All heavy atoms as atom14 arrays in JSON, in Angstrom:
{
  "sequence": "PVRRNSLRAGSCEGSFWRGTSRQDVQKTLMAARQYDRARKEPGKRN",
  "atom14_mask": [
    [1, 1, 1, 1, 1, 1, 1, 0, 0, 0, 0, 0, 0, 0],
    [1, 1, 1, 1, 1, 1, 1, 0, 0, 0, 0, 0, 0, 0],
    [1, 1, 1, 1, 1, 1, 1, 1, 1, 1, 1, 0, 0, 0],
    [1, 1, 1, 1, 1, 1, 1, 1, 1, 1, 1, 0, 0, 0],
    [1, 1, 1, 1, 1, 1, 1, 1, 0, 0, 0, 0, 0, 0],
    [1, 1, 1, 1, 1, 1, 0, 0, 0, 0, 0, 0, 0, 0],
    [1, 1, 1, 1, 1, 1, 1, 1, 0, 0, 0, 0, 0, 0],
    [1, 1, 1, 1, 1, 1, 1, 1, 1, 1, 1, 0, 0, 0],
    [1, 1, 1, 1, 1, 0, 0, 0, 0, 0, 0, 0, 0, 0],
    [1, 1, 1, 1, 0, 0, 0, 0, 0, 0, 0, 0, 0, 0],
    [1, 1, 1, 1, 1, 1, 0, 0, 0, 0, 0, 0, 0, 0],
    [1, 1, 1, 1, 1, 1, 0, 0, 0, 0, 0, 0, 0, 0],
    [1, 1, 1, 1, 1, 1, 1, 1, 1, 0, 0, 0, 0, 0],
    [1, 1, 1, 1, 0, 0, 0, 0, 0, 0, 0, 0, 0, 0],
    [1, 1, 1, 1, 1, 1, 0, 0, 0, 0, 0, 0, 0, 0],
    [1, 1, 1, 1, 1, 1, 1, 1, 1, 1, 1, 0, 0, 0],
    [1, 1, 1, 1, 1, 1, 1, 1, 1, 1, 1, 1, 1, 1],
    [1, 1, 1, 1, 1, 1, 1, 1, 1, 1, 1, 0, 0, 0],
    [1, 1, 1, 1, 0, 0, 0, 0, 0, 0, 0, 0, 0, 0],
    [1, 1, 1, 1, 1, 1, 1, 0, 0, 0, 0, 0, 0, 0],
    [1, 1, 1, 1, 1, 1, 0, 0, 0, 0, 0, 0, 0, 0],
    [1, 1, 1, 1, 1, 1, 1, 1, 1, 1, 1, 0, 0, 0],
    [1, 1, 1, 1, 1, 1, 1, 1, 1, 0, 0, 0, 0, 0],
    [1, 1, 1, 1, 1, 1, 1, 1, 0, 0, 0, 0, 0, 0],
    [1, 1, 1, 1, 1, 1, 1, 0, 0, 0, 0, 0, 0, 0],
    [1, 1, 1, 1, 1, 1, 1, 1, 1, 0, 0, 0, 0, 0],
    [1, 1, 1, 1, 1, 1, 1, 1, 1, 0, 0, 0, 0, 0],
    [1, 1, 1, 1, 1, 1, 1, 0, 0, 0, 0, 0, 0, 0],
    [1, 1, 1, 1, 1, 1, 1, 1, 0, 0, 0, 0, 0, 0],
    [1, 1, 1, 1, 1, 1, 1, 1, 0, 0, 0, 0, 0, 0],
    [1, 1, 1, 1, 1, 0, 0, 0, 0, 0, 0, 0, 0, 0],
    [1, 1, 1, 1, 1, 0, 0, 0, 0, 0, 0, 0, 0, 0],
    [1, 1, 1, 1, 1, 1, 1, 1, 1, 1, 1, 0, 0, 0],
    [1, 1, 1, 1, 1, 1, 1, 1, 1, 0, 0, 0, 0, 0],
    [1, 1, 1, 1, 1, 1, 1, 1, 1, 1, 1, 1, 0, 0],
    [1, 1, 1, 1, 1, 1, 1, 1, 0, 0, 0, 0, 0, 0],
    [1, 1, 1, 1, 1, 1, 1, 1, 1, 1, 1, 0, 0, 0],
    [1, 1, 1, 1, 1, 0, 0, 0, 0, 0, 0, 0, 0, 0],
    [1, 1, 1, 1, 1, 1, 1, 1, 1, 1, 1, 0, 0, 0],
    [1, 1, 1, 1, 1, 1, 1, 1, 1, 0, 0, 0, 0, 0],
    [1, 1, 1, 1, 1, 1, 1, 1, 1, 0, 0, 0, 0, 0],
    [1, 1, 1, 1, 1, 1, 1, 0, 0, 0, 0, 0, 0, 0],
    [1, 1, 1, 1, 0, 0, 0, 0, 0, 0, 0, 0, 0, 0],
    [1, 1, 1, 1, 1, 1, 1, 1, 1, 0, 0, 0, 0, 0],
    [1, 1, 1, 1, 1, 1, 1, 1, 1, 1, 1, 0, 0, 0],
    [1, 1, 1, 1, 1, 1, 1, 1, 0, 0, 0, 0, 0, 0]
  ],
  "atom14_positions": [
    [[59.75, 113.17, -31.2], [60.66, 112.61, -30.2], [60.44, 111.12, -30.03], [59.31, 110.62, -30.13], [60.28, 113.37, -28.92], [58.86, 113.78, -29.14], [58.73, 114.05, -30.62], [0.0, 0.0, 0.0], [0.0, 0.0, 0.0], [0.0, 0.0, 0.0], [0.0, 0.0, 0.0], [0.0, 0.0, 0.0], [0.0, 0.0, 0.0], [0.0, 0.0, 0.0]],
    [[61.51, 110.4, -29.78], [61.43, 108.96, -29.55], [61.0, 108.73, -28.11], [61.49, 109.4, -27.19], [62.79, 108.29, -29.83], [62.77, 106.84, -29.41], [63.12, 108.41, -31.3], [0.0, 0.0, 0.0], [0.0, 0.0, 0.0], [0.0, 0.0, 0.0], [0.0, 0.0, 0.0], [0.0, 0.0, 0.0], [0.0, 0.0, 0.0], [0.0, 0.0, 0.0]],
    [[60.1, 107.8, -27.88], [59.57, 107.57, -26.55], [60.61, 106.91, -25.66], [61.52, 106.23, -26.12], [58.32, 106.69, -26.63], [57.22, 107.3, -27.47], [55.91, 106.58, -27.29], [55.4, 106.73, -25.93], [54.26, 106.19, -25.52], [53.52, 105.48, -26.35], [53.83, 106.36, -24.29], [0.0, 0.0, 0.0], [0.0, 0.0, 0.0], [0.0, 0.0, 0.0]],
    [[60.46, 107.14, -24.39], [61.42, 106.63, -23.41], [61.49, 105.1, -23.44], [60.51, 104.43, -23.71], [61.01, 107.1, -22.01], [61.97, 106.71, -20.9], [61.48, 107.21, -19.57], [61.33, 108.66, -19.56], [60.86, 109.33, -18.51], [60.45, 108.69, -17.42], [60.75, 110.65, -18.57], [0.0, 0.0, 0.0], [0.0, 0.0, 0.0], [0.0, 0.0, 0.0]],
    [[62.67, 104.57, -23.18], [62.93, 103.12, -23.13], [62.77, 102.44, -24.49], [62.54, 101.23, -24.55], [62.03, 102.43, -22.1], [62.24, 102.96, -20.7], [63.35, 103.32, -20.33], [61.18, 103.02, -19.92], [0.0, 0.0, 0.0], [0.0, 0.0, 0.0], [0.0, 0.0, 0.0], [0.0, 0.0, 0.0], [0.0, 0.0, 0.0], [0.0, 0.0, 0.0]],
    [[62.86, 103.19, -25.57], [62.78, 102.6, -26.9], [64.13, 101.98, -27.26], [65.19, 102.52, -26.92], [62.39, 103.65, -27.95], [61.09, 104.12, -27.72], [0.0, 0.0, 0.0], [0.0, 0.0, 0.0], [0.0, 0.0, 0.0], [0.0, 0.0, 0.0], [0.0, 0.0, 0.0], [0.0, 0.0, 0.0], [0.0, 0.0, 0.0], [0.0, 0.0, 0.0]],
    [[64.09, 100.86, -27.97], [65.29, 100.16, -28.41], [65.37, 100.19, -29.92], [64.36, 100.29, -30.6], [65.27, 98.71, -27.91], [65.14, 98.54, -26.39], [65.0, 97.06, -26.04], [66.33, 99.14, -25.67], [0.0, 0.0, 0.0], [0.0, 0.0, 0.0], [0.0, 0.0, 0.0], [0.0, 0.0, 0.0], [0.0, 0.0, 0.0], [0.0, 0.0, 0.0]],
    [[66.57, 100.07, -30.43], [66.75, 100.15, -31.87], [66.18, 98.9, -32.54], [66.49, 97.77, -32.15], [68.24, 100.29, -32.22], [68.49, 100.37, -33.71], [69.86, 100.9, -34.02], [70.09, 100.99, -35.46], [71.04, 101.71, -36.02], [71.87, 102.4, -35.25], [71.18, 101.74, -37.32], [0.0, 0.0, 0.0], [0.0, 0.0, 0.0], [0.0, 0.0, 0.0]],
    [[65.36, 99.1, -33.55], [64.75, 97.98, -34.28], [65.83, 97.14, -34.94], [66.79, 97.67, -35.52], [63.78, 98.5, -35.32], [0.0, 0.0, 0.0], [0.0, 0.0, 0.0], [0.0, 0.0, 0.0], [0.0, 0.0, 0.0], [0.0, 0.0, 0.0], [0.0, 0.0, 0.0], [0.0, 0.0, 0.0], [0.0, 0.0, 0.0], [0.0, 0.0, 0.0]],
    [[65.69, 95.81, -34.84], [66.66, 94.9, -35.42], [67.73, 94.44, -34.45], [68.48, 93.51, -34.75], [0.0, 0.0, 0.0], [0.0, 0.0, 0.0], [0.0, 0.0, 0.0], [0.0, 0.0, 0.0], [0.0, 0.0, 0.0], [0.0, 0.0, 0.0], [0.0, 0.0, 0.0], [0.0, 0.0, 0.0], [0.0, 0.0, 0.0], [0.0, 0.0, 0.0]],
    [[67.79, 95.06, -33.28], [68.82, 94.69, -32.31], [68.25, 94.15, -31.0], [69.01, 93.74, -30.13], [69.7, 95.91, -31.99], [68.93, 96.92, -31.34], [0.0, 0.0, 0.0], [0.0, 0.0, 0.0], [0.0, 0.0, 0.0], [0.0, 0.0, 0.0], [0.0, 0.0, 0.0], [0.0, 0.0, 0.0], [0.0, 0.0, 0.0], [0.0, 0.0, 0.0]],
    [[66.92, 94.14, -30.86], [66.33, 93.78, -29.58], [65.34, 92.62, -29.66], [64.96, 92.07, -28.63], [65.61, 95.0, -28.99], [64.31, 95.68, -30.07], [0.0, 0.0, 0.0], [0.0, 0.0, 0.0], [0.0, 0.0, 0.0], [0.0, 0.0, 0.0], [0.0, 0.0, 0.0], [0.0, 0.0, 0.0], [0.0, 0.0, 0.0], [0.0, 0.0, 0.0]],
    [[64.92, 92.24, -30.85], [63.83, 91.27, -30.96], [64.28, 89.82, -30.81], [63.47, 88.94, -30.51], [63.12, 91.42, -32.31], [62.57, 92.8, -32.57], [63.57, 93.71, -33.26], [64.77, 93.32, -33.33], [63.17, 94.78, -33.74], [0.0, 0.0, 0.0], [0.0, 0.0, 0.0], [0.0, 0.0, 0.0], [0.0, 0.0, 0.0], [0.0, 0.0, 0.0]],
    [[65.57, 89.55, -31.03], [66.05, 88.16, -31.02], [65.76, 87.43, -29.73], [65.37, 86.27, -29.73], [0.0, 0.0, 0.0], [0.0, 0.0, 0.0], [0.0, 0.0, 0.0], [0.0, 0.0, 0.0], [0.0, 0.0, 0.0], [0.0, 0.0, 0.0], [0.0, 0.0, 0.0], [0.0, 0.0, 0.0], [0.0, 0.0, 0.0], [0.0, 0.0, 0.0]],
    [[65.96, 88.1, -28.61], [65.72, 87.47, -27.3], [64.31, 87.71, -26.8], [63.93, 87.2, -25.74], [66.73, 88.0, -26.28], [66.61, 89.41, -26.17], [0.0, 0.0, 0.0], [0.0, 0.0, 0.0], [0.0, 0.0, 0.0], [0.0, 0.0, 0.0], [0.0, 0.0, 0.0], [0.0, 0.0, 0.0], [0.0, 0.0, 0.0], [0.0, 0.0, 0.0]],
    [[63.54, 88.5, -27.52], [62.18, 88.83, -27.08], [61.15, 87.93, -27.75], [60.3, 87.34, -27.08], [61.89, 90.3, -27.41], [60.52, 90.76, -27.01], [60.2, 90.95, -25.67], [59.55, 91.0, -27.97], [58.92, 91.38, -25.3], [58.29, 91.43, -27.61], [57.98, 91.61, -26.27], [0.0, 0.0, 0.0], [0.0, 0.0, 0.0], [0.0, 0.0, 0.0]],
    [[61.19, 87.85, -29.07], [60.27, 86.96, -29.78], [60.67, 85.51, -29.57], [61.85, 85.18, -29.48], [60.29, 87.28, -31.27], [59.48, 88.5, -31.62], [58.37, 88.97, -31.01], [59.76, 89.42, -32.7], [57.91, 90.12, -31.63], [58.74, 90.41, -32.66], [60.76, 89.48, -33.68], [58.7, 91.46, -33.58], [60.71, 90.52, -34.59], [59.69, 91.51, -34.54]],
    [[59.71, 84.64, -29.53], [59.99, 83.2, -29.45], [58.92, 82.46, -30.24], [57.77, 82.89, -30.3], [60.03, 82.73, -27.99], [58.83, 83.12, -27.14], [58.91, 82.48, -25.77], [57.81, 82.89, -24.92], [57.91, 83.8, -23.97], [59.07, 84.4, -23.76], [56.86, 84.11, -23.22], [0.0, 0.0, 0.0], [0.0, 0.0, 0.0], [0.0, 0.0, 0.0]],
    [[59.33, 81.34, -30.82], [58.41, 80.55, -31.62], [57.24, 80.03, -30.8], [57.34, 79.83, -29.59], [0.0, 0.0, 0.0], [0.0, 0.0, 0.0], [0.0, 0.0, 0.0], [0.0, 0.0, 0.0], [0.0, 0.0, 0.0], [0.0, 0.0, 0.0], [0.0, 0.0, 0.0], [0.0, 0.0, 0.0], [0.0, 0.0, 0.0], [0.0, 0.0, 0.0]],
    [[56.13, 79.82, -31.46], [54.94, 79.33, -30.78], [54.24, 78.34, -31.7], [54.8, 77.9, -32.69], [54.01, 80.5, -30.41], [52.89, 80.0, -29.66], [53.53, 81.25, -31.64], [0.0, 0.0, 0.0], [0.0, 0.0, 0.0], [0.0, 0.0, 0.0], [0.0, 0.0, 0.0], [0.0, 0.0, 0.0], [0.0, 0.0, 0.0], [0.0, 0.0, 0.0]],
    [[53.05, 77.96, -31.39], [52.28, 77.03, -32.21], [50.83, 77.49, -32.24], [50.38, 78.29, -31.41], [52.35, 75.61, -31.63], [51.72, 75.54, -30.37], [0.0, 0.0, 0.0], [0.0, 0.0, 0.0], [0.0, 0.0, 0.0], [0.0, 0.0, 0.0], [0.0, 0.0, 0.0], [0.0, 0.0, 0.0], [0.0, 0.0, 0.0], [0.0, 0.0, 0.0]],
    [[50.1, 76.95, -33.2], [48.68, 77.29, -33.31], [47.92, 76.89, -32.05], [47.04, 77.61, -31.58], [48.08, 76.6, -34.54], [46.66, 77.05, -34.87], [46.14, 76.3, -36.09], [47.02, 76.5, -37.23], [46.94, 77.55, -38.05], [46.06, 78.5, -37.82], [47.77, 77.65, -39.07], [0.0, 0.0, 0.0], [0.0, 0.0, 0.0], [0.0, 0.0, 0.0]],
    [[48.29, 75.75, -31.49], [47.6, 75.28, -30.29], [47.84, 76.22, -29.11], [46.9, 76.55, -28.36], [48.06, 73.87, -29.93], [47.33, 73.26, -28.73], [47.77, 71.84, -28.45], [48.62, 71.31, -29.15], [47.2, 71.25, -27.43], [0.0, 0.0, 0.0], [0.0, 0.0, 0.0], [0.0, 0.0, 0.0], [0.0, 0.0, 0.0], [0.0, 0.0, 0.0]],
    [[49.08, 76.67, -28.93], [49.37, 77.58, -27.82], [48.65, 78.92, -28.0], [48.17, 79.51, -27.02], [50.88, 77.82, -27.73], [51.62, 76.62, -27.17], [50.97, 75.8, -26.49], [52.83, 76.5, -27.41], [0.0, 0.0, 0.0], [0.0, 0.0, 0.0], [0.0, 0.0, 0.0], [0.0, 0.0, 0.0], [0.0, 0.0, 0.0], [0.0, 0.0, 0.0]],
    [[48.58, 79.4, -29.23], [47.89, 80.66, -29.48], [46.4, 80.51, -29.19], [45.77, 81.39, -28.59], [48.13, 81.12, -30.93], [47.22, 82.3, -31.27], [49.58, 81.51, -31.13], [0.0, 0.0, 0.0], [0.0, 0.0, 0.0], [0.0, 0.0, 0.0], [0.0, 0.0, 0.0], [0.0, 0.0, 0.0], [0.0, 0.0, 0.0], [0.0, 0.0, 0.0]],
    [[45.81, 79.38, -29.6], [44.4, 79.15, -29.33], [44.14, 79.04, -27.83], [43.11, 79.51, -27.33], [43.93, 77.87, -30.04], [43.86, 77.99, -31.55], [42.87, 79.04, -32.0], [41.8, 79.2, -31.4], [43.22, 79.78, -33.04], [0.0, 0.0, 0.0], [0.0, 0.0, 0.0], [0.0, 0.0, 0.0], [0.0, 0.0, 0.0], [0.0, 0.0, 0.0]],
    [[45.06, 78.42, -27.1], [44.89, 78.33, -25.65], [44.95, 79.72, -25.01], [44.22, 80.0, -24.05], [45.97, 77.42, -25.05], [45.68, 75.94, -25.21], [46.55, 75.08, -24.33], [47.99, 75.11, -24.78], [48.81, 74.1, -24.05], [0.0, 0.0, 0.0], [0.0, 0.0, 0.0], [0.0, 0.0, 0.0], [0.0, 0.0, 0.0], [0.0, 0.0, 0.0]],
    [[45.81, 80.57, -25.53], [45.88, 81.94, -25.02], [44.56, 82.67, -25.24], [44.06, 83.38, -24.35], [47.03, 82.71, -25.7], [48.27, 82.06, -25.43], [47.09, 84.15, -25.2], [0.0, 0.0, 0.0], [0.0, 0.0, 0.0], [0.0, 0.0, 0.0], [0.0, 0.0, 0.0], [0.0, 0.0, 0.0], [0.0, 0.0, 0.0], [0.0, 0.0, 0.0]],
    [[43.98, 82.51, -26.43], [42.7, 83.15, -26.72], [41.59, 82.62, -25.8], [40.81, 83.39, -25.24], [42.31, 82.9, -28.18], [43.01, 83.76, -29.23], [42.6, 83.3, -30.63], [42.68, 85.22, -29.05], [0.0, 0.0, 0.0], [0.0, 0.0, 0.0], [0.0, 0.0, 0.0], [0.0, 0.0, 0.0], [0.0, 0.0, 0.0], [0.0, 0.0, 0.0]],
    [[41.52, 81.31, -25.67], [40.49, 80.71, -24.83], [40.67, 81.14, -23.38], [39.68, 81.43, -22.67], [40.54, 79.19, -24.95], [40.15, 78.66, -26.33], [40.4, 76.87, -26.47], [39.24, 76.26, -25.25], [0.0, 0.0, 0.0], [0.0, 0.0, 0.0], [0.0, 0.0, 0.0], [0.0, 0.0, 0.0], [0.0, 0.0, 0.0], [0.0, 0.0, 0.0]],
    [[41.92, 81.18, -22.92], [42.19, 81.58, -21.53], [41.79, 83.03, -21.3], [41.24, 83.37, -20.24], [43.66, 81.37, -21.21], [0.0, 0.0, 0.0], [0.0, 0.0, 0.0], [0.0, 0.0, 0.0], [0.0, 0.0, 0.0], [0.0, 0.0, 0.0], [0.0, 0.0, 0.0], [0.0, 0.0, 0.0], [0.0, 0.0, 0.0], [0.0, 0.0, 0.0]],
    [[42.05, 83.9, -22.28], [41.69, 85.31, -22.13], [40.18, 85.48, -22.06], [39.67, 86.27, -21.24], [42.27, 86.11, -23.3], [0.0, 0.0, 0.0], [0.0, 0.0, 0.0], [0.0, 0.0, 0.0], [0.0, 0.0, 0.0], [0.0, 0.0, 0.0], [0.0, 0.0, 0.0], [0.0, 0.0, 0.0], [0.0, 0.0, 0.0], [0.0, 0.0, 0.0]],
    [[39.45, 84.77, -22.89], [37.98, 84.88, -22.88], [37.41, 84.38, -21.55], [36.51, 85.01, -20.97], [37.39, 84.09, -24.04], [37.69, 84.71, -25.41], [37.3, 83.79, -26.52], [37.64, 84.36, -27.83], [38.05, 83.64, -28.87], [38.15, 82.33, -28.75], [38.35, 84.23, -30.01], [0.0, 0.0, 0.0], [0.0, 0.0, 0.0], [0.0, 0.0, 0.0]],
    [[37.93, 83.26, -21.09], [37.42, 82.72, -19.83], [37.83, 83.61, -18.66], [37.04, 83.83, -17.73], [37.96, 81.3, -19.63], [37.57, 80.66, -18.3], [36.07, 80.51, -18.15], [35.31, 80.78, -19.08], [35.63, 80.1, -16.98], [0.0, 0.0, 0.0], [0.0, 0.0, 0.0], [0.0, 0.0, 0.0], [0.0, 0.0, 0.0], [0.0, 0.0, 0.0]],
    [[39.03, 84.13, -18.7], [39.51, 85.03, -17.64], [38.64, 86.28, -17.56], [38.24, 86.71, -16.48], [40.96, 85.4, -17.93], [41.58, 86.37, -16.96], [42.18, 85.93, -15.79], [41.58, 87.74, -17.22], [42.76, 86.82, -14.9], [42.15, 88.63, -16.35], [42.74, 88.18, -15.18], [43.31, 89.07, -14.32], [0.0, 0.0, 0.0], [0.0, 0.0, 0.0]],
    [[38.33, 86.86, -18.7], [37.5, 88.07, -18.73], [36.1, 87.77, -18.21], [35.49, 88.6, -17.52], [37.44, 88.61, -20.16], [36.87, 90.01, -20.23], [37.46, 90.93, -19.62], [35.85, 90.21, -20.92], [0.0, 0.0, 0.0], [0.0, 0.0, 0.0], [0.0, 0.0, 0.0], [0.0, 0.0, 0.0], [0.0, 0.0, 0.0], [0.0, 0.0, 0.0]],
    [[35.63, 86.59, -18.53], [34.28, 86.2, -18.09], [34.25, 85.91, -16.59], [33.32, 86.32, -15.88], [33.84, 84.97, -18.88], [32.41, 84.54, -18.67], [32.1, 83.38, -19.59], [30.73, 82.94, -19.47], [30.21, 81.95, -20.2], [30.96, 81.33, -21.09], [28.95, 81.61, -20.05], [0.0, 0.0, 0.0], [0.0, 0.0, 0.0], [0.0, 0.0, 0.0]],
    [[35.29, 85.21, -16.1], [35.31, 84.81, -14.7], [35.56, 86.0, -13.77], [35.09, 86.01, -12.63], [36.38, 83.74, -14.48], [0.0, 0.0, 0.0], [0.0, 0.0, 0.0], [0.0, 0.0, 0.0], [0.0, 0.0, 0.0], [0.0, 0.0, 0.0], [0.0, 0.0, 0.0], [0.0, 0.0, 0.0], [0.0, 0.0, 0.0], [0.0, 0.0, 0.0]],
    [[36.3, 87.0, -14.25], [36.65, 88.15, -13.41], [35.67, 89.32, -13.55], [35.91, 90.37, -12.97], [38.06, 88.63, -13.77], [39.18, 87.64, -13.46], [39.31, 87.4, -11.98], [40.42, 86.52, -11.67], [41.65, 86.95, -11.35], [41.91, 88.25, -11.34], [42.61, 86.09, -11.06], [0.0, 0.0, 0.0], [0.0, 0.0, 0.0], [0.0, 0.0, 0.0]],
    [[34.64, 89.13, -14.32], [33.67, 90.22, -14.49], [32.92, 90.45, -13.18], [32.36, 89.54, -12.58], [32.67, 89.84, -15.59], [31.61, 90.89, -15.86], [30.71, 90.43, -17.01], [29.55, 91.39, -17.22], [28.64, 91.41, -16.06], [0.0, 0.0, 0.0], [0.0, 0.0, 0.0], [0.0, 0.0, 0.0], [0.0, 0.0, 0.0], [0.0, 0.0, 0.0]],
    [[32.91, 91.69, -12.73], [32.25, 92.04, -11.49], [30.75, 92.2, -11.7], [30.32, 92.63, -12.77], [32.84, 93.34, -10.92], [34.32, 93.24, -10.58], [34.86, 94.54, -10.04], [34.04, 95.48, -9.9], [36.06, 94.61, -9.77], [0.0, 0.0, 0.0], [0.0, 0.0, 0.0], [0.0, 0.0, 0.0], [0.0, 0.0, 0.0], [0.0, 0.0, 0.0]],
    [[29.95, 91.86, -10.68], [28.49, 92.0, -10.81], [28.11, 93.46, -11.11], [28.63, 94.39, -10.5], [27.98, 91.58, -9.42], [29.06, 90.72, -8.87], [30.35, 91.27, -9.4], [0.0, 0.0, 0.0], [0.0, 0.0, 0.0], [0.0, 0.0, 0.0], [0.0, 0.0, 0.0], [0.0, 0.0, 0.0], [0.0, 0.0, 0.0], [0.0, 0.0, 0.0]],
    [[27.22, 93.61, -12.06], [26.76, 94.94, -12.42], [27.61, 95.62, -13.48], [27.22, 96.65, -14.02], [0.0, 0.0, 0.0], [0.0, 0.0, 0.0], [0.0, 0.0, 0.0], [0.0, 0.0, 0.0], [0.0, 0.0, 0.0], [0.0, 0.0, 0.0], [0.0, 0.0, 0.0], [0.0, 0.0, 0.0], [0.0, 0.0, 0.0], [0.0, 0.0, 0.0]],
    [[28.79, 95.08, -13.76], [29.65, 95.66, -14.78], [29.32, 95.05, -16.14], [28.97, 93.88, -16.26], [31.13, 95.38, -14.46], [31.64, 96.11, -13.24], [31.77, 97.59, -13.49], [32.4, 98.33, -12.33], [33.82, 97.96, -12.14], [0.0, 0.0, 0.0], [0.0, 0.0, 0.0], [0.0, 0.0, 0.0], [0.0, 0.0, 0.0], [0.0, 0.0, 0.0]],
    [[29.44, 95.89, -17.18], [29.13, 95.42, -18.53], [30.22, 94.53, -19.09], [29.96, 93.55, -19.78], [28.92, 96.62, -19.45], [28.56, 96.25, -20.88], [28.31, 97.49, -21.71], [27.97, 97.15, -23.09], [27.71, 98.04, -24.03], [27.77, 99.34, -23.74], [27.4, 97.65, -25.24], [0.0, 0.0, 0.0], [0.0, 0.0, 0.0], [0.0, 0.0, 0.0]],
    [[31.48, 94.86, -18.79], [32.62, 94.12, -19.32], [33.5, 93.6, -18.19], [33.44, 94.08, -17.04], [33.47, 95.01, -20.24], [32.7, 95.47, -21.46], [32.04, 94.68, -22.11], [32.78, 96.76, -21.76], [0.0, 0.0, 0.0], [0.0, 0.0, 0.0], [0.0, 0.0, 0.0], [0.0, 0.0, 0.0], [0.0, 0.0, 0.0], [0.0, 0.0, 0.0]]
  ]
}
């Protein structure tokens, strides 16, 4: 069975995907690492 809210491939990606750059992708990675580190609760492993 097809999962709920699925869209037909080839008809939905045009307005969803958008161009990016290496710098923006690297900023996303750095932000995720820092976010995970800053939001880590005391006593938690991750």
